[in-house]
Amino acid sequence: MSKTISERSHKTDMLVNFLRETTPGQKITYLALSAIINNENVQETGRAYLTSARRILLREDRIAFDTLRNEGILHLEDKDIINSSIDIARKKIRQTTRKSLKRLQCADRGKAKGALGNTYDSGLVFLGTLSVFTLKSSVKKIEHKVAQSHLKLSAKQTFELFASKT
């Protein structure tokens, strides 16, 4: 009888149970993780089990891990979760935005009439805005304002930080 997608693998469960008992800041080697699932290499054939276990723990227990290249994984502490999550997202969004801007600018705006031209123009504005907001200096500007006000900024207040003073 075959398993449905929603059924967890026994090996995934073994990893989930083991990783659930780790503490923030603890490093877990790939060798130790492989030993838990009967020496199936979690960097090769057992990769899916580890990926699933990490995803399950993130979703169900709010436990986050980071990869230690060719060593293992690290159970992240709150400070590491905060710092790495923001920086990873910022870099990824910035990279995707820049690629999309370059691709959009390959189109001939002169040939885009009516609604298509409006889509082109609004796309440039949208992607340009994302590009500005994903600069490291923009994130620092927002952090500084939040630190000053000791409150969360609304979207309107955030946009006002970047409005030109002309």
C-alpha atoms as a PDB file:
ATOM      1  CA  MET A   1       0.000   0.000   0.000  1.00  0.00           C
ATOM      2  CA  SER A   2       1.443   3.385  -0.970  1.00  0.00           C
ATOM      3  CA  LYS A   3       1.540   6.392   1.327  1.00  0.00           C
ATOM      4  CA  THR A   4      -0.403   9.555   0.612  1.00  0.00           C
ATOM      5  CA  ILE A   5       1.481  12.820   0.501  1.00  0.00           C
ATOM      6  CA  SER A   6       0.028  13.902   3.836  1.00  0.00           C
ATOM      7  CA  GLU A   7       1.536  10.914   5.681  1.00  0.00           C
ATOM      8  CA  ARG A   8       4.867  11.598   7.321  1.00  0.00           C
ATOM      9  CA  SER A   9       7.744   9.268   6.800  1.00  0.00           C
ATOM     10  CA  HIS A  10       8.957   7.378   9.859  1.00  0.00           C
ATOM     11  CA  LYS A  11      12.435   8.795   9.238  1.00  0.00           C
ATOM     12  CA  THR A  12      11.058  12.332   9.138  1.00  0.00           C
ATOM     13  CA  ASP A  13       9.312  11.702  12.461  1.00  0.00           C
ATOM     14  CA  MET A  14      12.554  10.422  13.992  1.00  0.00           C
ATOM     15  CA  LEU A  15      14.338  13.618  12.948  1.00  0.00           C
ATOM     16  CA  VAL A  16      11.460  15.829  14.152  1.00  0.00           C
ATOM     17  CA  ASN A  17      11.501  14.161  17.571  1.00  0.00           C
ATOM     18  CA  PHE A  18      15.266  14.485  17.874  1.00  0.00           C
ATOM     19  CA  LEU A  19      15.442  18.105  16.688  1.00  0.00           C
ATOM     20  CA  ARG A  20      12.515  19.111  18.917  1.00  0.00           C
ATOM     21  CA  GLU A  21      14.742  18.315  21.920  1.00  0.00           C
ATOM     22  CA  THR A  22      17.622  20.535  20.804  1.00  0.00           C
ATOM     23  CA  THR A  23      18.237  23.908  22.402  1.00  0.00           C
ATOM     24  CA  PRO A  24      18.793  27.318  20.781  1.00  0.00           C
ATOM     25  CA  GLY A  25      22.426  27.741  19.823  1.00  0.00           C
ATOM     26  CA  GLN A  26      23.018  23.990  19.583  1.00  0.00           C
ATOM     27  CA  LYS A  27      24.875  22.663  16.532  1.00  0.00           C
ATOM     28  CA  ILE A  28      23.817  19.287  15.156  1.00  0.00           C
ATOM     29  CA  THR A  29      26.187  17.575  12.742  1.00  0.00           C
ATOM     30  CA  TYR A  30      25.050  15.895   9.554  1.00  0.00           C
ATOM     31  CA  LEU A  31      26.748  12.760  10.841  1.00  0.00           C
ATOM     32  CA  ALA A  32      24.545  12.728  13.959  1.00  0.00           C
ATOM     33  CA  LEU A  33      21.420  13.406  11.905  1.00  0.00           C
ATOM     34  CA  SER A  34      22.314  10.612   9.481  1.00  0.00           C
ATOM     35  CA  ALA A  35      22.815   8.199  12.380  1.00  0.00           C
ATOM     36  CA  ILE A  36      19.263   8.904  13.593  1.00  0.00           C
ATOM     37  CA  ILE A  37      17.796   7.688  10.307  1.00  0.00           C
ATOM     38  CA  ASN A  38      19.824   4.484  10.083  1.00  0.00           C
ATOM     39  CA  ASN A  39      22.915   6.070   8.557  1.00  0.00           C
ATOM     40  CA  GLU A  40      21.113   7.402   5.507  1.00  0.00           C
ATOM     41  CA  ASN A  41      23.121  10.465   4.499  1.00  0.00           C
ATOM     42  CA  VAL A  42      21.018  13.590   5.112  1.00  0.00           C
ATOM     43  CA  GLN A  43      23.178  15.476   2.619  1.00  0.00           C
ATOM     44  CA  GLU A  44      22.293  13.060  -0.155  1.00  0.00           C
ATOM     45  CA  THR A  45      19.539  10.430  -0.210  1.00  0.00           C
ATOM     46  CA  GLY A  46      18.124  11.474   3.182  1.00  0.00           C
ATOM     47  CA  ARG A  47      17.950  15.184   2.362  1.00  0.00           C
ATOM     48  CA  ALA A  48      14.161  15.164   1.946  1.00  0.00           C
ATOM     49  CA  TYR A  49      13.672  13.785   5.465  1.00  0.00           C
ATOM     50  CA  LEU A  50      15.715  16.590   6.993  1.00  0.00           C
ATOM     51  CA  THR A  51      14.046  19.242   4.830  1.00  0.00           C
ATOM     52  CA  SER A  52      10.601  17.984   5.869  1.00  0.00           C
ATOM     53  CA  ALA A  53      11.578  17.808   9.538  1.00  0.00           C
ATOM     54  CA  ARG A  54      12.848  21.402   9.494  1.00  0.00           C
ATOM     55  CA  ARG A  55       9.678  22.595   7.758  1.00  0.00           C
ATOM     56  CA  ILE A  56       7.463  20.755  10.269  1.00  0.00           C
ATOM     57  CA  LEU A  57       9.329  22.194  13.262  1.00  0.00           C
ATOM     58  CA  LEU A  58       9.134  25.698  11.808  1.00  0.00           C
ATOM     59  CA  ARG A  59       5.392  25.378  11.258  1.00  0.00           C
ATOM     60  CA  GLU A  60       4.318  23.416  14.337  1.00  0.00           C
ATOM     61  CA  ASP A  61       6.850  24.349  17.028  1.00  0.00           C
ATOM     62  CA  ARG A  62       8.219  27.649  15.724  1.00  0.00           C
ATOM     63  CA  ILE A  63      11.757  26.254  15.830  1.00  0.00           C
ATOM     64  CA  ALA A  64      14.111  27.573  13.153  1.00  0.00           C
ATOM     65  CA  PHE A  65      17.390  26.069  11.972  1.00  0.00           C
ATOM     66  CA  ASP A  66      20.131  27.389   9.723  1.00  0.00           C
ATOM     67  CA  THR A  67      22.587  25.429   7.635  1.00  0.00           C
ATOM     68  CA  LEU A  68      26.238  25.171   8.599  1.00  0.00           C
ATOM     69  CA  ARG A  69      27.839  24.387   5.256  1.00  0.00           C
ATOM     70  CA  ASN A  70      29.186  20.820   5.127  1.00  0.00           C
ATOM     71  CA  GLU A  71      28.911  20.538   8.930  1.00  0.00           C
ATOM     72  CA  GLY A  72      25.269  20.328   9.964  1.00  0.00           C
ATOM     73  CA  ILE A  73      22.516  22.627  11.181  1.00  0.00           C
ATOM     74  CA  LEU A  74      22.179  25.188  13.952  1.00  0.00           C
ATOM     75  CA  HIS A  75      19.111  25.636  16.169  1.00  0.00           C
ATOM     76  CA  LEU A  76      18.698  29.404  15.884  1.00  0.00           C
ATOM     77  CA  GLU A  77      18.361  31.739  18.842  1.00  0.00           C
ATOM     78  CA  ASP A  78      15.838  34.587  18.644  1.00  0.00           C
ATOM     79  CA  LYS A  79      18.489  37.206  17.800  1.00  0.00           C
ATOM     80  CA  ASP A  80      19.752  35.064  14.906  1.00  0.00           C
ATOM     81  CA  ILE A  81      16.228  34.435  13.629  1.00  0.00           C
ATOM     82  CA  ILE A  82      15.477  38.158  13.599  1.00  0.00           C
ATOM     83  CA  ASN A  83      18.749  39.232  11.980  1.00  0.00           C
ATOM     84  CA  SER A  84      19.017  36.500   9.363  1.00  0.00           C
ATOM     85  CA  SER A  85      15.335  36.427   8.365  1.00  0.00           C
ATOM     86  CA  ILE A  86      15.220  40.113   7.524  1.00  0.00           C
ATOM     87  CA  ASP A  87      18.540  40.121   5.696  1.00  0.00           C
ATOM     88  CA  ILE A  88      17.783  36.969   3.688  1.00  0.00           C
ATOM     89  CA  ALA A  89      14.373  38.299   2.630  1.00  0.00           C
ATOM     90  CA  ARG A  90      15.799  41.725   1.766  1.00  0.00           C
ATOM     91  CA  LYS A  91      18.544  40.244  -0.415  1.00  0.00           C
ATOM     92  CA  LYS A  92      16.233  37.805  -2.179  1.00  0.00           C
ATOM     93  CA  ILE A  93      13.543  40.426  -2.869  1.00  0.00           C
ATOM     94  CA  ARG A  94      16.169  42.901  -4.066  1.00  0.00           C
ATOM     95  CA  GLN A  95      17.734  40.353  -6.426  1.00  0.00           C
ATOM     96  CA  THR A  96      14.357  39.326  -7.864  1.00  0.00           C
ATOM     97  CA  THR A  97      13.273  42.957  -8.207  1.00  0.00           C
ATOM     98  CA  ARG A  98      16.421  43.961 -10.072  1.00  0.00           C
ATOM     99  CA  LYS A  99      16.096  41.029 -12.482  1.00  0.00           C
ATOM    100  CA  SER A 100      12.436  41.872 -13.111  1.00  0.00           C
ATOM    101  CA  LEU A 101      13.267  45.546 -13.730  1.00  0.00           C
ATOM    102  CA  LYS A 102      15.926  44.607 -16.276  1.00  0.00           C
ATOM    103  CA  ARG A 103      13.518  42.228 -17.989  1.00  0.00           C
ATOM    104  CA  LEU A 104      10.674  44.778 -18.039  1.00  0.00           C
ATOM    105  CA  GLN A 105      12.965  47.404 -19.555  1.00  0.00           C
ATOM    106  CA  CYS A 106      13.612  45.078 -22.509  1.00  0.00           C
ATOM    107  CA  ALA A 107      10.077  45.811 -23.705  1.00  0.00           C
ATOM    108  CA  ASP A 108       9.551  48.745 -26.080  1.00  0.00           C
ATOM    109  CA  ARG A 109       7.394  51.204 -24.117  1.00  0.00           C
ATOM    110  CA  GLY A 110       6.587  53.086 -27.326  1.00  0.00           C
ATOM    111  CA  LYS A 111       4.730  50.038 -28.668  1.00  0.00           C
ATOM    112  CA  ALA A 112       2.769  49.496 -25.443  1.00  0.00           C
ATOM    113  CA  LYS A 113      -0.488  51.442 -25.865  1.00  0.00           C
ATOM    114  CA  GLY A 114      -3.448  51.891 -23.528  1.00  0.00           C
ATOM    115  CA  ALA A 115      -3.797  49.401 -20.693  1.00  0.00           C
ATOM    116  CA  LEU A 116      -0.569  47.619 -21.622  1.00  0.00           C
ATOM    117  CA  GLY A 117       1.346  50.899 -21.401  1.00  0.00           C
ATOM    118  CA  ASN A 118      -0.231  51.589 -18.020  1.00  0.00           C
ATOM    119  CA  THR A 119       0.822  48.138 -16.846  1.00  0.00           C
ATOM    120  CA  TYR A 120       4.367  48.832 -18.033  1.00  0.00           C
ATOM    121  CA  ASP A 121       4.495  52.196 -16.229  1.00  0.00           C
ATOM    122  CA  SER A 122       2.954  50.897 -13.007  1.00  0.00           C
ATOM    123  CA  GLY A 123       5.335  47.925 -13.114  1.00  0.00           C
ATOM    124  CA  LEU A 124       8.316  50.273 -13.258  1.00  0.00           C
ATOM    125  CA  VAL A 125       6.972  52.268 -10.303  1.00  0.00           C
ATOM    126  CA  PHE A 126       6.199  49.112  -8.309  1.00  0.00           C
ATOM    127  CA  LEU A 127       9.559  47.451  -8.964  1.00  0.00           C
ATOM    128  CA  GLY A 128      11.437  50.712  -8.466  1.00  0.00           C
ATOM    129  CA  THR A 129       9.749  51.188  -5.087  1.00  0.00           C
ATOM    130  CA  LEU A 130      10.662  47.664  -4.023  1.00  0.00           C
ATOM    131  CA  SER A 131      14.203  48.275  -5.173  1.00  0.00           C
ATOM    132  CA  VAL A 132      14.488  51.370  -2.971  1.00  0.00           C
ATOM    133  CA  PHE A 133      12.915  49.684   0.046  1.00  0.00           C
ATOM    134  CA  THR A 134      15.257  46.701  -0.190  1.00  0.00           C
ATOM    135  CA  LEU A 135      18.418  48.776   0.043  1.00  0.00           C
ATOM    136  CA  LYS A 136      20.329  48.107   3.266  1.00  0.00           C
ATOM    137  CA  SER A 137      20.269  51.855   3.962  1.00  0.00           C
ATOM    138  CA  SER A 138      16.467  51.891   3.646  1.00  0.00           C
ATOM    139  CA  VAL A 139      16.102  49.131   6.206  1.00  0.00           C
ATOM    140  CA  LYS A 140      18.429  51.062   8.534  1.00  0.00           C
ATOM    141  CA  LYS A 141      16.332  54.219   8.020  1.00  0.00           C
ATOM    142  CA  ILE A 142      13.181  52.336   9.027  1.00  0.00           C
ATOM    143  CA  GLU A 143      14.949  50.738  12.023  1.00  0.00           C
ATOM    144  CA  HIS A 144      16.113  54.175  13.173  1.00  0.00           C
ATOM    145  CA  LYS A 145      12.592  55.632  12.985  1.00  0.00           C
ATOM    146  CA  VAL A 146      11.105  52.653  14.847  1.00  0.00           C
ATOM    147  CA  ALA A 147      13.763  53.021  17.555  1.00  0.00           C
ATOM    148  CA  GLN A 148      12.922  56.723  17.906  1.00  0.00           C
ATOM    149  CA  SER A 149       9.179  56.238  18.157  1.00  0.00           C
ATOM    150  CA  HIS A 150       9.213  52.946  20.118  1.00  0.00           C
ATOM    151  CA  LEU A 151       6.168  51.955  18.041  1.00  0.00           C
ATOM    152  CA  LYS A 152       5.395  50.026  14.909  1.00  0.00           C
ATOM    153  CA  LEU A 153       5.210  52.249  11.842  1.00  0.00           C
ATOM    154  CA  SER A 154       2.153  52.196   9.636  1.00  0.00           C
ATOM    155  CA  ALA A 155       2.635  51.770   5.896  1.00  0.00           C
ATOM    156  CA  LYS A 156       1.791  55.453   5.450  1.00  0.00           C
ATOM    157  CA  GLN A 157       4.418  56.529   8.015  1.00  0.00           C
ATOM    158  CA  THR A 158       6.988  54.297   6.332  1.00  0.00           C
ATOM    159  CA  PHE A 159       6.311  55.801   2.903  1.00  0.00           C
ATOM    160  CA  GLU A 160       6.553  59.290   4.406  1.00  0.00           C
ATOM    161  CA  LEU A 161      10.113  58.496   5.498  1.00  0.00           C
ATOM    162  CA  PHE A 162      11.064  58.237   1.832  1.00  0.00           C
ATOM    163  CA  ALA A 163       8.942  61.076   0.446  1.00  0.00           C
ATOM    164  CA  SER A 164      11.014  63.815  -1.144  1.00  0.00           C
ATOM    165  CA  LYS A 165      11.166  67.108   0.733  1.00  0.00           C
ATOM    166  CA  THR A 166      10.679  69.352  -2.315  1.00  0.00           C
END
